[in-house]
């Protein structure tokens, strides 16, 4: 638990940054702090934040709490910004959301805190938030990781000291522990499942002559991305929905800007099934700290049935050969993910309530149904960003 070690809170100082320029001023310290925290993930990297900012509206209202130690070094960051929603047509709700929470596929938001400072850093953060409590109603942090040093206990304790109410709801994620060799992975499947997936690969790669290819060069990016956008939308249209890239142009812009950065940093892991010059299936993810994060995929619904399965199987073979230790599906557990022997692991959604909330607002927002409804409205909705 994070609470095991703790610095003297009196040796820490806090400040709230409200402009993008102030955030840029600490950009050189950001990734160093992230590496020293339990929250280290690609979704909290400065490169991710900066790219997200570049595609979002210009009038974002930032609210980033920073803590420094007695040497002036960065000890913690709570990166937030404001969204405002008119609930039921007449109740204005001012929500503090994690930076880069929408239009980019981000998961696992958290407070970035140097492990050496323990609970004291969290206490200092919420002291600062308490001093400006007139500005916000709730803090909403969905889809948080609950493993490798869960910060929930520290957040709850720091909130308790400031008389902020917190509520959490379990969120189930899924991932595959990858073995050291592909044969061991295949043995985990039932005989029937193994035969089915082998037959998909045979039809695609042997009988039809398609190839498994990867995006390795900058010149490859545009063809891979365009194929992903096209096939992702085609797949969802068969279900009567628009794909996220068609529905949210900001997300498409984020991918176009971040993928070259990810390629240069060695994080990008983009694969495809290609027959001649035609892409038949594409999957995009990132490899970070030896974990593969599966972001999006698309496949040609008019092509051989099972091409998506064939691509995933070859992708896993490729990841194992590269020494990757886990395949993170992101999102919720589903039957399809379970069929790949995905294990469940627990995270949570957390909401923090301002103790000065008016009674009617507190009553409505105290209901998880209202919070989930609000969360759906907040997600990927640029129009709710406010100054």
Protein backbone atom coordinates (compact mmCIF):
# COMPACT_ATOMS: atom_id res chain seq x y z
CA UNK A 1 0.00 0.00 0.00
CA UNK A 2 1.11 3.55 -0.68
CA UNK A 3 0.57 4.56 2.96
CA UNK A 4 3.50 2.40 4.14
CA UNK A 5 6.02 5.26 3.89
CA UNK A 6 5.31 8.93 4.40
CA UNK A 7 7.21 12.22 4.36
CA UNK A 8 6.54 14.96 6.90
CA UNK A 9 3.68 16.90 5.32
CA UNK A 10 5.12 20.18 6.63
CA UNK A 11 8.11 19.77 4.32
CA UNK A 12 5.86 19.85 1.25
CA UNK A 13 4.33 22.83 -0.55
CA UNK A 14 1.47 22.86 -3.05
CA UNK A 15 0.19 25.06 -5.84
CA UNK A 16 -2.63 24.94 -8.39
CA UNK A 17 -1.70 25.55 -12.02
CA UNK A 18 -4.51 26.99 -14.12
CA UNK A 19 -2.84 27.68 -17.48
CA UNK A 20 -1.27 25.52 -20.15
CA UNK A 21 1.89 27.60 -20.00
CA UNK A 22 2.31 26.70 -16.32
CA UNK A 23 1.97 23.03 -17.22
CA UNK A 24 4.52 23.39 -19.99
CA UNK A 25 6.92 24.90 -17.47
CA UNK A 26 6.96 21.60 -15.52
CA UNK A 27 7.01 19.36 -18.60
CA UNK A 28 10.70 18.58 -18.14
CA UNK A 29 9.96 17.13 -14.69
CA UNK A 30 6.75 15.31 -15.56
CA UNK A 31 8.02 11.98 -16.89
CA UNK A 32 10.72 11.73 -14.20
CA UNK A 33 8.03 11.94 -11.53
CA UNK A 34 5.85 9.46 -13.40
CA UNK A 35 8.68 6.92 -13.47
CA UNK A 36 9.06 7.28 -9.69
CA UNK A 37 5.34 6.70 -9.08
CA UNK A 38 3.06 3.67 -8.93
CA UNK A 39 0.89 5.20 -11.65
CA UNK A 40 3.40 4.90 -14.50
CA UNK A 41 1.54 4.26 -17.76
CA UNK A 42 1.65 5.56 -21.30
CA UNK A 43 -1.67 7.34 -20.70
CA UNK A 44 -0.03 9.63 -18.14
CA UNK A 45 3.12 10.46 -20.11
CA UNK A 46 3.73 14.13 -20.89
CA UNK A 47 3.80 13.29 -24.62
CA UNK A 48 0.25 11.91 -24.29
CA UNK A 49 -0.94 15.01 -22.41
CA UNK A 50 0.67 17.43 -24.82
CA UNK A 51 -0.79 15.72 -27.88
CA UNK A 52 -4.24 15.63 -26.30
CA UNK A 53 -4.03 19.34 -25.51
CA UNK A 54 -3.12 20.12 -29.12
CA UNK A 55 -6.38 18.63 -30.48
CA UNK A 56 -8.73 19.96 -27.79
CA UNK A 57 -10.55 23.34 -27.71
CA UNK A 58 -8.39 26.34 -26.91
CA UNK A 59 -10.48 27.46 -23.93
CA UNK A 60 -9.79 24.56 -21.55
CA UNK A 61 -9.88 25.45 -17.85
CA UNK A 62 -6.95 23.67 -16.20
CA UNK A 63 -6.76 22.78 -12.53
CA UNK A 64 -3.51 20.92 -11.97
CA UNK A 65 -2.40 20.50 -8.35
CA UNK A 66 1.37 20.18 -7.93
CA UNK A 67 3.35 19.38 -4.79
CA UNK A 68 7.06 20.03 -4.24
CA UNK A 69 9.41 18.87 -1.51
CA UNK A 70 11.79 20.98 0.58
CA UNK A 71 14.41 20.75 -2.19
CA UNK A 72 12.00 22.16 -4.74
CA UNK A 73 11.64 18.84 -6.57
CA UNK A 74 8.31 17.73 -7.94
CA UNK A 75 6.66 15.30 -5.49
CA UNK A 76 3.15 14.89 -6.92
CA UNK A 77 0.79 16.02 -9.69
CA UNK A 78 -2.98 15.75 -9.80
CA UNK A 79 -3.73 16.73 -13.43
CA UNK A 80 -7.31 17.94 -13.80
CA UNK A 81 -9.47 20.25 -15.88
CA UNK A 82 -13.05 21.51 -15.76
CA UNK A 83 -16.15 20.36 -17.57
CA UNK A 84 -19.59 21.79 -16.92
CA UNK A 85 -22.93 20.04 -17.50
CA UNK A 86 -26.50 21.23 -17.03
CA UNK A 87 -28.12 18.20 -15.38
CA UNK A 88 -31.91 17.82 -15.81
CA UNK A 89 -31.85 21.15 -17.62
CA UNK A 90 -31.42 23.33 -14.55
CA UNK A 91 -28.67 21.98 -12.24
CA UNK A 92 -25.20 23.21 -13.17
CA UNK A 93 -22.59 20.60 -12.27
CA UNK A 94 -18.94 21.66 -12.24
CA UNK A 95 -16.83 18.56 -12.69
CA UNK A 96 -13.08 18.20 -12.33
CA UNK A 97 -11.94 15.49 -14.78
CA UNK A 98 -8.50 13.94 -15.38
CA UNK A 99 -6.46 15.49 -18.16
CA UNK A 100 -6.55 13.50 -21.40
CA UNK A 101 -9.68 11.63 -20.33
CA UNK A 102 -11.48 11.79 -23.68
CA UNK A 103 -11.02 11.52 -27.43
CA UNK A 104 -7.79 9.55 -27.18
CA UNK A 105 -8.56 6.10 -25.72
CA UNK A 106 -6.97 6.88 -22.37
CA UNK A 107 -7.34 4.59 -19.34
CA UNK A 108 -6.05 4.38 -15.77
CA UNK A 109 -6.14 8.03 -14.61
CA UNK A 110 -4.45 8.65 -11.29
CA UNK A 111 -2.56 11.02 -9.06
CA UNK A 112 1.12 10.92 -10.01
CA UNK A 113 3.02 10.80 -6.72
CA UNK A 114 6.62 9.92 -5.89
CA UNK A 115 6.48 6.74 -3.81
CA UNK A 116 8.96 8.19 -1.31
CA UNK A 117 6.45 10.74 -0.03
CA UNK A 118 3.60 8.36 0.69
CA UNK A 119 0.37 9.70 2.17
CA UNK A 120 1.82 13.16 2.85
CA UNK A 121 1.73 14.06 -0.86
CA UNK A 122 -1.94 13.11 -1.09
CA UNK A 123 -2.78 15.09 2.01
CA UNK A 124 -1.08 18.15 0.57
CA UNK A 125 -2.97 17.81 -2.69
CA UNK A 126 -6.37 17.74 -1.02
CA UNK A 127 -5.46 20.57 1.32
CA UNK A 128 -4.90 22.71 -1.78
CA UNK A 129 -8.14 21.50 -3.36
CA UNK A 130 -10.01 22.31 -0.16
CA UNK A 131 -8.82 25.91 -0.26
CA UNK A 132 -10.55 26.39 -3.63
CA UNK A 133 -13.64 24.34 -2.92
CA UNK A 134 -15.95 27.09 -4.15
CA UNK A 135 -14.89 26.34 -7.74
CA UNK A 136 -16.02 22.70 -8.13
CA UNK A 137 -18.78 20.26 -7.23
CA UNK A 138 -17.30 16.80 -7.84
CA UNK A 139 -14.06 15.20 -8.95
CA UNK A 140 -14.70 12.27 -11.29
CA UNK A 141 -12.00 9.64 -11.92
CA UNK A 142 -13.32 6.63 -13.87
CA UNK A 143 -11.59 3.45 -14.99
CA UNK A 144 -8.72 3.55 -12.51
CA UNK A 145 -6.25 0.69 -12.19
CA UNK A 146 -6.43 -1.24 -8.91
CA UNK A 147 -3.16 -3.13 -9.09
CA UNK A 148 0.56 -2.46 -8.58
CA UNK A 149 0.12 0.08 -5.79
CA UNK A 150 -3.51 1.15 -5.80
CA UNK A 151 -3.79 4.76 -4.59
CA UNK A 152 -7.46 4.51 -3.59
CA UNK A 153 -6.73 4.12 0.13
CA UNK A 154 -4.47 7.18 0.13
CA UNK A 155 -7.04 9.26 -1.75
CA UNK A 156 -9.82 8.25 0.64
CA UNK A 157 -7.75 9.03 3.72
CA UNK A 158 -6.61 12.41 2.39
CA UNK A 159 -10.23 13.27 1.49
CA UNK A 160 -11.45 12.20 4.92
CA UNK A 161 -9.08 14.68 6.54
CA UNK A 162 -10.68 17.45 4.48
CA UNK A 163 -14.22 16.17 5.12
CA UNK A 164 -14.72 15.31 1.44
CA UNK A 165 -17.00 12.36 0.83
CA UNK A 166 -15.69 9.68 -1.55
CA UNK A 167 -17.54 6.85 -3.23
CA UNK A 168 -16.05 4.08 -5.30
CA UNK A 169 -17.49 1.48 -7.63
CA UNK A 170 -15.67 -1.62 -8.78
CA UNK A 171 -14.55 -1.71 -12.40
CA UNK A 172 -13.45 -5.02 -13.93
CA UNK A 173 -10.65 -5.03 -16.52
CA UNK A 174 -9.14 -7.94 -18.43
CA UNK A 175 -5.67 -8.94 -19.54
CA UNK A 176 -3.64 -11.97 -20.66
CA UNK A 177 -0.46 -13.03 -18.91
CA UNK A 178 1.81 -13.97 -21.80
CA UNK A 179 4.12 -16.98 -21.31
CA UNK A 180 7.69 -17.19 -22.56
CA UNK A 181 6.79 -19.22 -25.66
CA UNK A 182 3.85 -19.36 -28.05
CA UNK A 183 3.35 -23.13 -27.71
CA UNK A 184 2.58 -22.67 -24.00
CA UNK A 185 0.04 -20.02 -24.85
CA UNK A 186 -1.74 -22.28 -27.34
CA UNK A 187 -1.93 -25.08 -24.78
CA UNK A 188 -4.04 -22.86 -22.52
CA UNK A 189 -6.91 -22.99 -25.02
CA UNK A 190 -9.41 -25.76 -25.26
CA UNK A 191 -8.77 -28.14 -28.12
CA UNK A 192 -11.83 -26.86 -29.98
CA UNK A 193 -10.86 -23.21 -29.63
CA UNK A 194 -7.30 -23.96 -30.68
CA UNK A 195 -8.46 -25.77 -33.82
CA UNK A 196 -10.82 -22.96 -34.77
CA UNK A 197 -8.13 -20.31 -34.55
CA UNK A 198 -5.62 -22.41 -36.41
CA UNK A 199 -8.18 -22.89 -39.17
CA UNK A 200 -8.75 -19.12 -39.40
CA UNK A 201 -5.01 -18.59 -39.82
CA UNK A 202 -4.82 -21.33 -42.43
CA UNK A 203 -7.65 -19.82 -44.50
CA UNK A 204 -6.22 -16.31 -44.32
CA UNK A 205 -2.46 -16.84 -44.54
CA UNK A 206 -2.11 -20.11 -46.44
CA UNK A 207 -5.16 -20.57 -48.63
CA UNK A 208 -5.75 -16.90 -49.47
CA UNK A 209 -2.12 -15.81 -49.40
CA UNK A 210 -2.55 -12.83 -47.05
CA UNK A 211 0.35 -11.61 -44.92
CA UNK A 212 0.82 -10.51 -41.33
CA UNK A 213 2.58 -7.12 -41.49
CA UNK A 214 3.67 -4.50 -38.97
CA UNK A 215 4.09 -0.74 -39.07
CA UNK A 216 7.83 -0.16 -38.74
CA UNK A 217 8.59 3.06 -40.63
CA UNK A 218 7.14 6.55 -40.67
CA UNK A 219 6.13 6.04 -44.31
CA UNK A 220 3.96 3.13 -43.16
CA UNK A 221 1.90 5.26 -40.77
CA UNK A 222 -0.55 6.90 -43.17
CA UNK A 223 -1.60 3.68 -44.97
CA UNK A 224 -2.01 1.82 -41.66
CA UNK A 225 -3.97 4.66 -40.03
CA UNK A 226 -6.27 5.19 -42.99
CA UNK A 227 -6.99 1.47 -43.14
CA UNK A 228 -7.71 1.41 -39.40
CA UNK A 229 -10.17 4.30 -39.65
CA UNK A 230 -11.92 2.78 -42.67
CA UNK A 231 -12.15 -0.81 -41.39
CA UNK A 232 -13.12 0.23 -37.86
CA UNK A 233 -16.06 2.22 -39.19
CA UNK A 234 -17.06 -0.53 -41.63
CA UNK A 235 -17.13 -3.06 -38.81
CA UNK A 236 -19.33 -0.88 -36.57
CA UNK A 237 -21.71 0.06 -39.37
CA UNK A 238 -22.69 -3.61 -39.62
CA UNK A 239 -23.92 -3.24 -36.01
CA UNK A 240 -25.84 -0.06 -36.77
CA UNK A 241 -23.34 2.30 -35.13
CA UNK A 242 -20.73 4.76 -36.25
CA UNK A 243 -17.19 4.00 -35.23
CA UNK A 244 -15.48 6.28 -32.72
CA UNK A 245 -13.17 7.71 -35.39
CA UNK A 246 -16.14 8.80 -37.49
CA UNK A 247 -18.19 9.98 -34.52
CA UNK A 248 -15.38 11.90 -32.81
CA UNK A 249 -13.11 13.78 -35.24
CA UNK A 250 -10.96 14.91 -32.30
CA UNK A 251 -10.03 11.29 -31.64
CA UNK A 252 -8.94 10.84 -35.24
CA UNK A 253 -6.81 13.98 -34.91
CA UNK A 254 -5.23 12.64 -31.72
CA UNK A 255 -4.23 9.38 -33.40
CA UNK A 256 -2.76 11.20 -36.39
CA UNK A 257 -0.58 13.33 -34.11
CA UNK A 258 0.36 10.79 -31.46
CA UNK A 259 1.25 7.80 -33.64
CA UNK A 260 4.39 9.40 -35.11
CA UNK A 261 5.53 10.22 -31.56
CA UNK A 262 4.80 6.69 -30.38
CA UNK A 263 6.68 5.24 -33.35
CA UNK A 264 9.72 7.39 -32.62
CA UNK A 265 9.65 6.45 -28.91
CA UNK A 266 9.34 2.74 -29.68
CA UNK A 267 5.88 2.40 -28.14
CA UNK A 268 3.77 1.91 -31.26
CA UNK A 269 2.72 -1.65 -32.03
CA UNK A 270 0.48 -1.65 -35.10
CA UNK A 271 -0.19 -4.81 -37.09
CA UNK A 272 -2.35 -5.81 -40.00
CA UNK A 273 -3.49 -8.58 -42.29
CA UNK A 274 -2.75 -7.48 -45.82
CA UNK A 275 -3.61 -9.18 -49.09
CA UNK A 276 -1.65 -7.60 -51.91
CA UNK A 277 -2.17 -3.87 -51.50
CA UNK A 278 -5.41 -4.24 -49.51
CA UNK A 279 -5.67 -4.15 -45.72
CA UNK A 280 -8.12 -6.75 -44.44
CA UNK A 281 -7.67 -6.19 -40.70
CA UNK A 282 -5.74 -3.72 -38.54
CA UNK A 283 -4.98 -3.63 -34.83
CA UNK A 284 -3.29 -0.76 -33.00
CA UNK A 285 -1.77 -0.78 -29.55
CA UNK A 286 1.19 0.47 -27.57
CA UNK A 287 3.95 -1.39 -25.76
CA UNK A 288 4.98 0.29 -22.54
CA UNK A 289 6.93 -1.29 -19.67
CA UNK A 290 6.69 -4.69 -21.43
CA UNK A 291 2.87 -4.55 -21.55
CA UNK A 292 0.87 -4.35 -24.77
CA UNK A 293 -2.20 -2.09 -24.56
CA UNK A 294 -4.76 -2.97 -27.24
CA UNK A 295 -6.46 0.26 -28.30
CA UNK A 296 -8.53 -0.26 -31.45
CA UNK A 297 -9.03 -2.69 -34.29
CA UNK A 298 -10.99 -3.03 -37.48
CA UNK A 299 -11.51 -5.69 -40.10
CA UNK A 300 -13.14 -6.12 -43.48
CA UNK A 301 -16.54 -7.67 -42.82
CA UNK A 302 -16.72 -8.79 -46.46
CA UNK A 303 -13.50 -10.78 -46.18
CA UNK A 304 -12.89 -14.26 -44.73
CA UNK A 305 -14.75 -14.83 -41.49
CA UNK A 306 -12.33 -14.95 -38.58
CA UNK A 307 -9.73 -12.57 -40.02
CA UNK A 308 -9.82 -10.54 -36.79
CA UNK A 309 -9.16 -13.70 -34.78
CA UNK A 310 -6.29 -14.63 -37.07
CA UNK A 311 -4.74 -11.20 -36.67
CA UNK A 312 -4.98 -11.31 -32.87
CA UNK A 313 -3.39 -14.75 -32.72
CA UNK A 314 -0.47 -13.67 -34.90
CA UNK A 315 -0.18 -10.49 -32.87
CA UNK A 316 0.14 -12.48 -29.66
CA UNK A 317 2.75 -14.72 -31.29
CA UNK A 318 4.68 -11.59 -32.29
CA UNK A 319 4.41 -10.06 -28.79
CA UNK A 320 5.64 -13.23 -27.08
CA UNK A 321 8.62 -13.44 -29.40
CA UNK A 322 9.42 -9.83 -28.47
CA UNK A 323 9.40 -10.53 -24.74
CA UNK A 324 6.16 -8.70 -23.92
CA UNK A 325 4.74 -10.02 -20.66
CA UNK A 326 1.05 -9.04 -20.83
CA UNK A 327 -1.71 -8.23 -23.30
CA UNK A 328 -4.00 -5.60 -21.78
CA UNK A 329 -7.40 -5.54 -23.46
CA UNK A 330 -8.38 -2.31 -21.69
CA UNK A 331 -12.07 -1.71 -21.13
CA UNK A 332 -14.42 -4.15 -19.48
CA UNK A 333 -14.28 -7.93 -19.40
CA UNK A 334 -16.35 -9.53 -22.18
CA UNK A 335 -17.08 -13.07 -23.30
CA UNK A 336 -14.86 -12.55 -26.34
CA UNK A 337 -11.93 -11.53 -24.16
CA UNK A 338 -12.60 -14.46 -21.86
CA UNK A 339 -12.32 -16.76 -24.89
CA UNK A 340 -8.70 -15.62 -25.15
CA UNK A 341 -8.09 -16.77 -21.57
CA UNK A 342 -8.15 -13.20 -20.33
CA UNK A 343 -8.06 -12.86 -16.57
CA UNK A 344 -10.07 -10.37 -14.59
CA UNK A 345 -8.50 -7.70 -12.43
CA UNK A 346 -10.19 -5.05 -10.40
CA UNK A 347 -10.03 -1.32 -10.73
CA UNK A 348 -12.54 1.31 -9.74
CA UNK A 349 -14.39 4.49 -10.54
CA UNK A 350 -14.12 7.11 -7.83
CA UNK A 351 -16.14 10.26 -7.23
CA UNK A 352 -15.16 12.92 -4.69
CA UNK A 353 -17.85 15.28 -3.41
CA UNK A 354 -17.37 18.87 -2.33
CA UNK A 355 -18.63 19.18 1.24
CA UNK A 356 -20.29 22.54 0.42
CA UNK A 357 -22.63 21.09 -2.22
CA UNK A 358 -26.20 22.40 -1.97
CA UNK A 359 -28.56 19.78 -0.57
CA UNK A 360 -30.51 19.10 -3.79
CA UNK A 361 -27.32 18.78 -5.84
CA UNK A 362 -25.74 16.50 -3.23
CA UNK A 363 -28.85 14.32 -3.17
CA UNK A 364 -28.93 13.88 -6.97
CA UNK A 365 -25.20 13.33 -7.42
CA UNK A 366 -25.11 10.90 -4.52
CA UNK A 367 -26.87 8.37 -6.77
CA UNK A 368 -24.60 6.15 -8.90
CA UNK A 369 -27.20 6.13 -11.68
CA UNK A 370 -26.85 9.91 -11.92
CA UNK A 371 -23.05 9.69 -11.87
CA UNK A 372 -23.00 7.07 -14.64
CA UNK A 373 -25.39 9.18 -16.72
CA UNK A 374 -23.20 12.22 -16.16
CA UNK A 375 -20.07 10.22 -17.06
CA UNK A 376 -21.59 9.23 -20.42
CA UNK A 377 -22.37 12.86 -21.16
CA UNK A 378 -18.88 14.01 -20.19
CA UNK A 379 -17.01 11.42 -22.24
CA UNK A 380 -15.65 12.66 -25.58
CA UNK A 381 -17.80 15.80 -25.35
CA UNK A 382 -15.61 18.81 -26.16
CA UNK A 383 -18.53 21.24 -25.88
CA UNK A 384 -18.60 20.78 -22.10
CA UNK A 385 -15.05 22.05 -21.65
CA UNK A 386 -15.19 25.45 -20.01
CA UNK A 387 -13.22 28.38 -18.73
